[in-house]
């Protein structure tokens, strides 16, 4: 019975780390610290985008346009933390 609560919590924790890594990598690419011409960086970037895009897409439809500032990862992280709080109780 305990596995029923630990498994979703584990996946939500994993999703939050994937989002944090995605945001960090996007900042590094935006500030030209790492280059997407590298095949390894490009493949990691594409994999992270394919994992996070379905999470961001509904939030981006709801949020207003802030120009270059994308708040959808922050909103998704807040939703994940709320869900983890509900599961842990």
C-alpha atoms as a PDB file:
ATOM      1  CA  UNK A   1       0.000   0.000   0.000  1.00  0.00           C
ATOM      2  CA  UNK A   2       2.901   2.313   0.716  1.00  0.00           C
ATOM      3  CA  UNK A   3       4.140   1.867  -2.856  1.00  0.00           C
ATOM      4  CA  UNK A   4       0.921   3.448  -4.119  1.00  0.00           C
ATOM      5  CA  UNK A   5       1.967   6.737  -2.518  1.00  0.00           C
ATOM      6  CA  UNK A   6       5.719   6.538  -3.045  1.00  0.00           C
ATOM      7  CA  UNK A   7       5.639   5.794  -6.758  1.00  0.00           C
ATOM      8  CA  UNK A   8       3.710   8.940  -7.841  1.00  0.00           C
ATOM      9  CA  UNK A   9       5.819  11.001  -5.448  1.00  0.00           C
ATOM     10  CA  UNK A  10       8.963   9.579  -7.015  1.00  0.00           C
ATOM     11  CA  UNK A  11       7.775  10.419 -10.549  1.00  0.00           C
ATOM     12  CA  UNK A  12       6.776  13.942  -9.519  1.00  0.00           C
ATOM     13  CA  UNK A  13      10.182  14.425  -7.903  1.00  0.00           C
ATOM     14  CA  UNK A  14      11.852  13.154 -11.078  1.00  0.00           C
ATOM     15  CA  UNK A  15       9.715  15.489 -13.204  1.00  0.00           C
ATOM     16  CA  UNK A  16      10.716  18.471 -11.091  1.00  0.00           C
ATOM     17  CA  UNK A  17      14.405  17.651 -11.571  1.00  0.00           C
ATOM     18  CA  UNK A  18      13.897  17.276 -15.323  1.00  0.00           C
ATOM     19  CA  UNK A  19      12.271  20.716 -15.405  1.00  0.00           C
ATOM     20  CA  UNK A  20      15.102  22.259 -13.376  1.00  0.00           C
ATOM     21  CA  UNK A  21      17.694  20.720 -15.704  1.00  0.00           C
ATOM     22  CA  UNK A  22      15.706  21.910 -18.738  1.00  0.00           C
ATOM     23  CA  UNK A  23      15.536  25.479 -17.449  1.00  0.00           C
ATOM     24  CA  UNK A  24      19.230  25.509 -16.549  1.00  0.00           C
ATOM     25  CA  UNK A  25      20.200  24.158 -19.955  1.00  0.00           C
ATOM     26  CA  UNK A  26      18.014  26.731 -21.698  1.00  0.00           C
ATOM     27  CA  UNK A  27      19.737  29.536 -19.764  1.00  0.00           C
ATOM     28  CA  UNK A  28      23.153  28.153 -20.659  1.00  0.00           C
ATOM     29  CA  UNK A  29      22.161  28.022 -24.310  1.00  0.00           C
ATOM     30  CA  UNK A  30      20.587  31.500 -24.214  1.00  0.00           C
ATOM     31  CA  UNK A  31      23.713  33.056 -22.714  1.00  0.00           C
ATOM     32  CA  UNK A  32      25.887  31.122 -25.178  1.00  0.00           C
ATOM     33  CA  UNK A  33      27.769  29.267 -22.472  1.00  0.00           C
ATOM     34  CA  UNK A  34      27.210  26.002 -24.302  1.00  0.00           C
ATOM     35  CA  UNK A  35      26.609  25.639 -28.000  1.00  0.00           C
ATOM     36  CA  UNK A  36      23.878  23.623 -29.661  1.00  0.00           C
ATOM     37  CA  UNK A  37      26.236  22.821 -32.549  1.00  0.00           C
ATOM     38  CA  UNK A  38      27.594  20.055 -30.328  1.00  0.00           C
ATOM     39  CA  UNK A  39      25.752  16.803 -31.075  1.00  0.00           C
ATOM     40  CA  UNK A  40      25.592  15.688 -27.424  1.00  0.00           C
ATOM     41  CA  UNK A  41      24.183  19.025 -26.248  1.00  0.00           C
ATOM     42  CA  UNK A  42      21.678  19.072 -29.090  1.00  0.00           C
ATOM     43  CA  UNK A  43      20.452  15.543 -28.355  1.00  0.00           C
ATOM     44  CA  UNK A  44      20.106  16.268 -24.622  1.00  0.00           C
ATOM     45  CA  UNK A  45      18.283  19.502 -25.448  1.00  0.00           C
ATOM     46  CA  UNK A  46      15.854  17.725 -27.797  1.00  0.00           C
ATOM     47  CA  UNK A  47      15.198  14.952 -25.278  1.00  0.00           C
ATOM     48  CA  UNK A  48      14.462  17.450 -22.511  1.00  0.00           C
ATOM     49  CA  UNK A  49      12.221  19.485 -24.809  1.00  0.00           C
ATOM     50  CA  UNK A  50      10.244  16.408 -25.794  1.00  0.00           C
ATOM     51  CA  UNK A  51       9.750  15.531 -22.117  1.00  0.00           C
ATOM     52  CA  UNK A  52       8.780  19.003 -20.921  1.00  0.00           C
ATOM     53  CA  UNK A  53       6.844  20.435 -23.866  1.00  0.00           C
ATOM     54  CA  UNK A  54       3.630  18.490 -23.063  1.00  0.00           C
ATOM     55  CA  UNK A  55       3.771  19.875 -19.520  1.00  0.00           C
ATOM     56  CA  UNK A  56       4.384  23.473 -20.606  1.00  0.00           C
ATOM     57  CA  UNK A  57       1.943  23.638 -23.520  1.00  0.00           C
ATOM     58  CA  UNK A  58      -1.337  23.908 -21.528  1.00  0.00           C
ATOM     59  CA  UNK A  59       0.204  26.443 -19.150  1.00  0.00           C
ATOM     60  CA  UNK A  60       1.500  28.577 -22.030  1.00  0.00           C
ATOM     61  CA  UNK A  61      -2.021  28.716 -23.466  1.00  0.00           C
ATOM     62  CA  UNK A  62      -3.373  30.118 -20.191  1.00  0.00           C
ATOM     63  CA  UNK A  63      -0.585  32.525 -19.221  1.00  0.00           C
ATOM     64  CA  UNK A  64      -0.358  35.904 -20.937  1.00  0.00           C
ATOM     65  CA  UNK A  65       2.616  36.635 -23.170  1.00  0.00           C
ATOM     66  CA  UNK A  66       5.499  38.109 -21.181  1.00  0.00           C
ATOM     67  CA  UNK A  67       7.825  38.416 -24.160  1.00  0.00           C
ATOM     68  CA  UNK A  68      11.102  36.587 -23.615  1.00  0.00           C
ATOM     69  CA  UNK A  69      10.166  35.621 -20.045  1.00  0.00           C
ATOM     70  CA  UNK A  70       8.636  32.137 -19.861  1.00  0.00           C
ATOM     71  CA  UNK A  71       6.938  31.428 -16.541  1.00  0.00           C
ATOM     72  CA  UNK A  72       5.449  28.068 -17.503  1.00  0.00           C
ATOM     73  CA  UNK A  73       8.254  26.006 -15.873  1.00  0.00           C
ATOM     74  CA  UNK A  74       7.708  27.885 -12.624  1.00  0.00           C
ATOM     75  CA  UNK A  75       3.966  27.239 -12.738  1.00  0.00           C
ATOM     76  CA  UNK A  76       4.514  23.543 -13.493  1.00  0.00           C
ATOM     77  CA  UNK A  77       6.980  23.279 -10.581  1.00  0.00           C
ATOM     78  CA  UNK A  78       4.424  24.893  -8.276  1.00  0.00           C
ATOM     79  CA  UNK A  79       1.746  22.439  -9.413  1.00  0.00           C
ATOM     80  CA  UNK A  80       4.138  19.526  -8.882  1.00  0.00           C
ATOM     81  CA  UNK A  81       4.956  20.724  -5.362  1.00  0.00           C
ATOM     82  CA  UNK A  82       1.265  21.068  -4.518  1.00  0.00           C
ATOM     83  CA  UNK A  83       0.610  17.543  -5.818  1.00  0.00           C
ATOM     84  CA  UNK A  84       3.556  16.180  -3.823  1.00  0.00           C
ATOM     85  CA  UNK A  85       2.185  17.874  -0.703  1.00  0.00           C
ATOM     86  CA  UNK A  86      -1.214  16.305  -1.265  1.00  0.00           C
ATOM     87  CA  UNK A  87       0.296  12.864  -1.845  1.00  0.00           C
ATOM     88  CA  UNK A  88       2.570  13.034   1.201  1.00  0.00           C
ATOM     89  CA  UNK A  89      -0.363  13.673   3.528  1.00  0.00           C
END
